[in-house]
N, C-alpha and C. Protein backbone atom coordinates (compact mmCIF):
# COMPACT_ATOMS: atom_id res chain seq x y z
N MET A 1 -10.30 73.40 -24.98
CA MET A 1 -11.64 72.38 -25.74
C MET A 1 -12.97 72.55 -23.94
N THR A 2 -13.80 72.89 -25.56
CA THR A 2 -15.15 73.01 -25.38
C THR A 2 -15.60 72.02 -24.17
N SER A 3 -16.14 71.77 -22.96
CA SER A 3 -16.66 71.36 -21.86
C SER A 3 -18.35 71.09 -22.49
N ILE A 4 -18.49 68.81 -22.18
CA ILE A 4 -19.78 68.99 -23.17
C ILE A 4 -20.90 68.85 -21.03
N ALA A 5 -21.87 69.22 -22.08
CA ALA A 5 -22.29 69.76 -20.49
C ALA A 5 -24.07 68.01 -20.29
N SER A 6 -23.95 67.64 -18.98
CA SER A 6 -24.42 66.79 -18.66
C SER A 6 -25.53 66.71 -18.70
N THR A 7 -26.27 68.04 -18.24
CA THR A 7 -27.81 67.92 -19.10
C THR A 7 -28.27 69.19 -19.54
N THR A 8 -29.84 68.68 -20.35
CA THR A 8 -29.98 69.59 -21.38
C THR A 8 -30.28 70.63 -21.52
N PRO A 9 -30.18 71.67 -22.18
CA PRO A 9 -29.90 72.62 -22.75
C PRO A 9 -31.56 73.18 -22.00
N ILE A 10 -32.43 73.13 -21.91
CA ILE A 10 -33.87 73.42 -21.63
C ILE A 10 -33.45 73.39 -20.43
N GLU A 11 -33.62 72.10 -19.61
CA GLU A 11 -33.08 71.28 -17.90
C GLU A 11 -32.00 73.05 -17.03
N ARG A 12 -31.05 72.88 -18.18
CA ARG A 12 -29.57 74.08 -18.15
C ARG A 12 -30.92 75.74 -17.77
N ILE A 13 -31.97 75.90 -18.87
CA ILE A 13 -32.21 77.69 -18.93
C ILE A 13 -33.19 77.51 -17.18
N ALA A 14 -33.40 76.91 -17.23
CA ALA A 14 -35.21 76.70 -16.87
C ALA A 14 -34.52 76.41 -15.46
N ARG A 15 -33.05 76.23 -15.55
CA ARG A 15 -32.58 75.91 -13.38
C ARG A 15 -32.50 77.69 -14.04
N VAL A 16 -31.90 78.04 -14.50
CA VAL A 16 -31.41 80.06 -14.81
C VAL A 16 -32.40 80.61 -14.18
N ILE A 17 -33.81 80.39 -15.36
CA ILE A 17 -34.85 81.30 -14.78
C ILE A 17 -35.49 81.36 -13.49
N ALA A 18 -35.93 79.79 -13.79
CA ALA A 18 -36.54 80.13 -11.85
C ALA A 18 -35.56 80.74 -11.26
N ALA A 19 -34.12 80.32 -10.48
CA ALA A 19 -33.25 80.72 -9.83
C ALA A 19 -33.07 81.96 -9.84
N GLU A 20 -33.27 83.21 -10.62
CA GLU A 20 -33.57 84.18 -10.96
C GLU A 20 -34.31 84.63 -11.22
N MET A 21 -35.32 83.63 -10.65
CA MET A 21 -36.92 84.60 -10.29
C MET A 21 -36.89 84.86 -8.69
N LEU A 22 -35.91 83.45 -7.86
CA LEU A 22 -35.50 83.92 -6.33
C LEU A 22 -34.34 84.74 -5.70
N SER A 23 -33.78 84.82 -6.85
CA SER A 23 -32.63 85.26 -6.44
C SER A 23 -31.61 86.28 -6.83
N PRO A 24 -32.06 87.32 -7.84
CA PRO A 24 -30.93 87.51 -9.00
C PRO A 24 -29.37 87.79 -8.93
N ASN A 25 -29.69 87.17 -7.60
CA ASN A 25 -27.89 86.79 -7.34
C ASN A 25 -26.59 84.99 -6.88
N ALA A 26 -28.27 84.99 -7.03
CA ALA A 26 -28.29 83.68 -7.19
C ALA A 26 -27.67 82.58 -5.52
N GLU A 27 -27.64 82.91 -4.76
CA GLU A 27 -26.94 83.39 -3.47
C GLU A 27 -27.97 83.76 -3.13
N GLY A 28 -28.04 82.36 -1.64
CA GLY A 28 -28.97 83.01 -0.24
C GLY A 28 -29.85 82.39 0.09
N SER A 29 -30.97 82.54 1.05
CA SER A 29 -31.68 82.21 1.50
C SER A 29 -32.94 82.91 1.52
N GLY A 30 -32.70 84.45 1.66
CA GLY A 30 -34.18 84.74 0.87
C GLY A 30 -35.14 85.17 1.97
N ASP A 31 -35.63 85.15 1.79
CA ASP A 31 -37.32 84.73 2.59
C ASP A 31 -37.88 82.93 2.51
N LEU A 32 -37.09 83.30 2.13
CA LEU A 32 -37.87 81.05 1.43
C LEU A 32 -36.92 79.92 2.87
N GLY A 33 -36.89 80.47 3.35
CA GLY A 33 -36.33 79.23 4.63
C GLY A 33 -35.41 78.32 4.87
N ARG A 34 -35.20 77.89 3.11
CA ARG A 34 -33.51 77.06 2.65
C ARG A 34 -33.18 77.74 1.33
N PRO A 35 -31.84 76.91 2.08
CA PRO A 35 -31.05 77.53 -0.20
C PRO A 35 -31.53 78.26 -1.69
N VAL A 36 -31.91 78.87 -1.65
CA VAL A 36 -32.02 78.75 -3.27
C VAL A 36 -31.53 78.00 -4.70
N SER A 37 -30.61 76.87 -4.08
CA SER A 37 -30.55 75.91 -4.91
C SER A 37 -31.85 75.05 -4.51
N GLU A 38 -31.21 74.06 -3.73
CA GLU A 38 -32.97 73.61 -2.85
C GLU A 38 -34.73 74.05 -3.59
N VAL A 39 -34.72 74.81 -3.44
CA VAL A 39 -35.59 75.50 -3.87
C VAL A 39 -35.89 75.50 -5.10
N VAL A 40 -34.52 76.10 -6.76
CA VAL A 40 -34.30 75.64 -7.44
C VAL A 40 -35.16 73.82 -8.08
N ASP A 41 -34.39 73.25 -7.01
CA ASP A 41 -34.65 71.73 -7.66
C ASP A 41 -36.01 71.85 -7.62
N THR A 42 -36.01 71.60 -6.86
CA THR A 42 -38.04 71.56 -7.10
C THR A 42 -38.73 72.22 -8.27
N ILE A 43 -38.56 73.71 -8.68
CA ILE A 43 -39.15 74.24 -9.38
C ILE A 43 -38.78 74.73 -10.64
N TRP A 44 -37.21 74.40 -11.03
CA TRP A 44 -37.61 74.33 -12.00
C TRP A 44 -37.99 73.80 -13.69
N PRO A 45 -38.26 72.12 -13.11
CA PRO A 45 -39.33 71.61 -14.48
C PRO A 45 -40.57 72.36 -15.13
N ARG A 46 -40.87 73.58 -14.20
CA ARG A 46 -41.69 74.86 -14.50
C ARG A 46 -41.86 75.51 -14.76
N GLU A 47 -40.34 76.11 -15.37
CA GLU A 47 -40.41 76.60 -16.73
C GLU A 47 -39.54 76.16 -17.86
N THR A 48 -39.99 74.84 -18.18
CA THR A 48 -39.41 74.49 -19.34
C THR A 48 -40.25 74.98 -20.59
N GLU A 49 -41.22 75.51 -20.81
CA GLU A 49 -41.69 76.61 -22.29
C GLU A 49 -41.11 77.68 -21.98
N ARG A 50 -40.13 78.20 -20.66
CA ARG A 50 -39.92 79.36 -20.46
C ARG A 50 -38.25 79.04 -21.25
N ALA A 51 -37.48 77.56 -20.87
CA ALA A 51 -36.40 77.57 -20.99
C ALA A 51 -36.71 76.88 -22.85
N LEU A 52 -37.89 76.50 -23.62
CA LEU A 52 -37.61 75.96 -25.30
C LEU A 52 -37.91 77.11 -25.38
N ALA A 53 -38.24 78.33 -25.07
CA ALA A 53 -39.31 79.10 -26.08
C ALA A 53 -36.92 80.52 -26.79
N VAL A 54 -37.10 80.36 -25.07
CA VAL A 54 -35.67 80.24 -25.77
C VAL A 54 -34.48 80.03 -26.30
N LEU A 55 -34.44 78.99 -26.53
CA LEU A 55 -34.05 77.98 -27.52
C LEU A 55 -34.82 78.11 -28.77
N ARG A 56 -36.23 78.13 -28.91
CA ARG A 56 -36.54 78.66 -30.59
C ARG A 56 -35.95 79.66 -30.82
N THR A 57 -36.19 80.47 -30.15
CA THR A 57 -35.18 82.22 -30.79
C THR A 57 -34.24 81.85 -31.15
N LEU A 58 -33.02 81.26 -29.88
CA LEU A 58 -32.02 81.34 -31.12
C LEU A 58 -31.84 79.97 -32.65
N ARG A 59 -32.52 79.24 -33.29
CA ARG A 59 -32.48 79.23 -33.99
C ARG A 59 -32.17 79.09 -35.47
N GLU A 60 -32.58 80.53 -35.33
CA GLU A 60 -32.10 81.66 -36.17
C GLU A 60 -31.05 82.40 -35.72
N PRO A 61 -29.52 81.98 -36.57
CA PRO A 61 -29.09 83.10 -36.05
C PRO A 61 -28.27 84.17 -36.44
N THR A 62 -27.41 85.50 -35.93
CA THR A 62 -27.80 86.30 -36.27
C THR A 62 -26.33 86.83 -37.08
N PRO A 63 -25.59 87.77 -37.83
CA PRO A 63 -24.43 87.47 -38.86
C PRO A 63 -23.58 87.33 -38.02
N THR A 64 -23.23 88.45 -37.33
CA THR A 64 -22.69 88.28 -35.94
C THR A 64 -22.02 86.27 -36.28
N MET A 65 -23.21 85.44 -35.21
CA MET A 65 -23.04 84.45 -34.49
C MET A 65 -22.25 83.19 -35.78
N ILE A 66 -22.45 83.96 -37.51
CA ILE A 66 -22.69 83.44 -37.77
C ILE A 66 -21.21 82.97 -38.07
N ARG A 67 -20.45 84.85 -38.58
CA ARG A 67 -19.29 84.63 -39.43
C ARG A 67 -18.36 84.51 -37.38
N ALA A 68 -19.26 83.61 -36.69
CA ALA A 68 -18.34 83.66 -35.16
C ALA A 68 -17.56 81.53 -35.75
N GLY A 69 -19.02 81.69 -36.18
CA GLY A 69 -19.36 79.63 -36.12
C GLY A 69 -18.48 79.81 -37.07
N GLU A 70 -17.89 79.84 -37.58
CA GLU A 70 -16.78 79.63 -39.45
C GLU A 70 -15.98 80.01 -38.96
N ALA A 71 -15.58 80.86 -37.66
CA ALA A 71 -14.19 80.91 -37.94
C ALA A 71 -13.86 79.52 -36.48
N ALA A 72 -15.17 78.96 -36.22
CA ALA A 72 -14.59 79.10 -34.93
C ALA A 72 -13.78 77.48 -34.80
N GLY A 73 -13.77 76.62 -36.79
CA GLY A 73 -13.59 76.14 -37.07
C GLY A 73 -14.44 74.15 -37.34
N THR A 74 -13.72 72.75 -37.89
CA THR A 74 -14.97 72.06 -37.67
C THR A 74 -15.60 71.18 -36.15
N ASP A 75 -15.09 72.34 -35.25
CA ASP A 75 -15.66 71.19 -34.65
C ASP A 75 -16.56 71.61 -33.58
N PRO A 76 -18.23 70.45 -34.13
CA PRO A 76 -19.08 71.29 -33.44
C PRO A 76 -19.44 72.12 -32.35
N ALA A 77 -18.97 71.34 -31.84
CA ALA A 77 -19.44 71.94 -30.08
C ALA A 77 -18.34 73.59 -29.60
N HIS A 78 -16.71 73.41 -30.30
CA HIS A 78 -16.01 74.75 -30.68
C HIS A 78 -17.50 76.51 -32.19
N ILE A 79 -18.07 75.43 -32.56
CA ILE A 79 -19.34 76.22 -33.04
C ILE A 79 -20.14 77.07 -31.96
N TRP A 80 -20.55 75.36 -32.08
CA TRP A 80 -21.03 75.87 -30.48
C TRP A 80 -21.41 76.77 -30.11
N SER A 81 -19.59 76.76 -29.26
CA SER A 81 -19.48 77.70 -28.17
C SER A 81 -19.26 78.75 -27.84
N ALA A 82 -19.01 78.73 -29.80
CA ALA A 82 -18.79 80.22 -30.39
C ALA A 82 -19.71 81.12 -30.86
N MET A 83 -20.65 80.69 -31.19
CA MET A 83 -21.98 81.18 -31.37
C MET A 83 -22.65 81.02 -30.86
N VAL A 84 -22.49 80.88 -29.43
CA VAL A 84 -24.23 80.54 -28.23
C VAL A 84 -23.07 83.00 -27.42
N ASN A 85 -21.52 82.54 -27.68
CA ASN A 85 -20.58 83.51 -27.36
C ASN A 85 -20.73 84.93 -28.07
N ALA A 86 -20.83 84.68 -28.88
CA ALA A 86 -21.12 85.85 -30.36
C ALA A 86 -22.97 86.49 -30.16
N ALA A 87 -23.29 85.29 -30.30
CA ALA A 87 -24.98 85.79 -29.35
C ALA A 87 -25.32 86.71 -27.98
N ILE A 88 -24.94 86.79 -26.93
CA ILE A 88 -23.81 86.33 -25.55
C ILE A 88 -23.90 88.33 -25.91
N ALA A 89 -22.93 88.27 -26.48
CA ALA A 89 -21.74 89.71 -26.85
C ALA A 89 -22.56 90.84 -27.63
N GLU A 90 -23.68 90.43 -28.38
CA GLU A 90 -24.35 90.96 -28.71
C GLU A 90 -25.56 91.81 -27.62
N ARG A 91 -25.30 92.47 -26.83
CA ARG A 91 -25.92 93.38 -26.16
C ARG A 91 -27.26 94.13 -26.49
N PRO A 92 -28.03 94.53 -26.64
CA PRO A 92 -29.19 95.71 -27.32
C PRO A 92 -28.68 96.53 -27.10
N ALA A 93 -28.96 97.67 -27.43
CA ALA A 93 -29.04 99.04 -27.13
C ALA A 93 -30.07 99.81 -26.49
N THR A 94 -28.99 100.76 -25.11
CA THR A 94 -30.98 100.02 -24.64
C THR A 94 -30.80 102.36 -24.25
N ASP A 95 -31.82 102.77 -24.54
CA ASP A 95 -32.35 104.09 -23.82
C ASP A 95 -32.37 104.36 -22.37
N GLY A 96 -30.90 103.64 -21.47
CA GLY A 96 -31.35 103.94 -20.30
C GLY A 96 -30.17 104.50 -19.35
């Protein structure tokens, strides 16, 4: 069964962006003097434009994402999850 989120994709993405900016491993308090999660609760709304940019980019699926969605059946939640997992698996080639 696919989990159904209780927060919007924009909020979830914005929180991840904020957390990554503060602490790449999202652990500890670093130089903030309080847990990163508390700071993220305060600053994630500032990252909503970046979150929207991410979602806008995903509007156009790759062929791999389409195949994964087609293979996932008819449940929209399963299709979405399969397509996003396919996108995650499509890592770009790097020169490094």
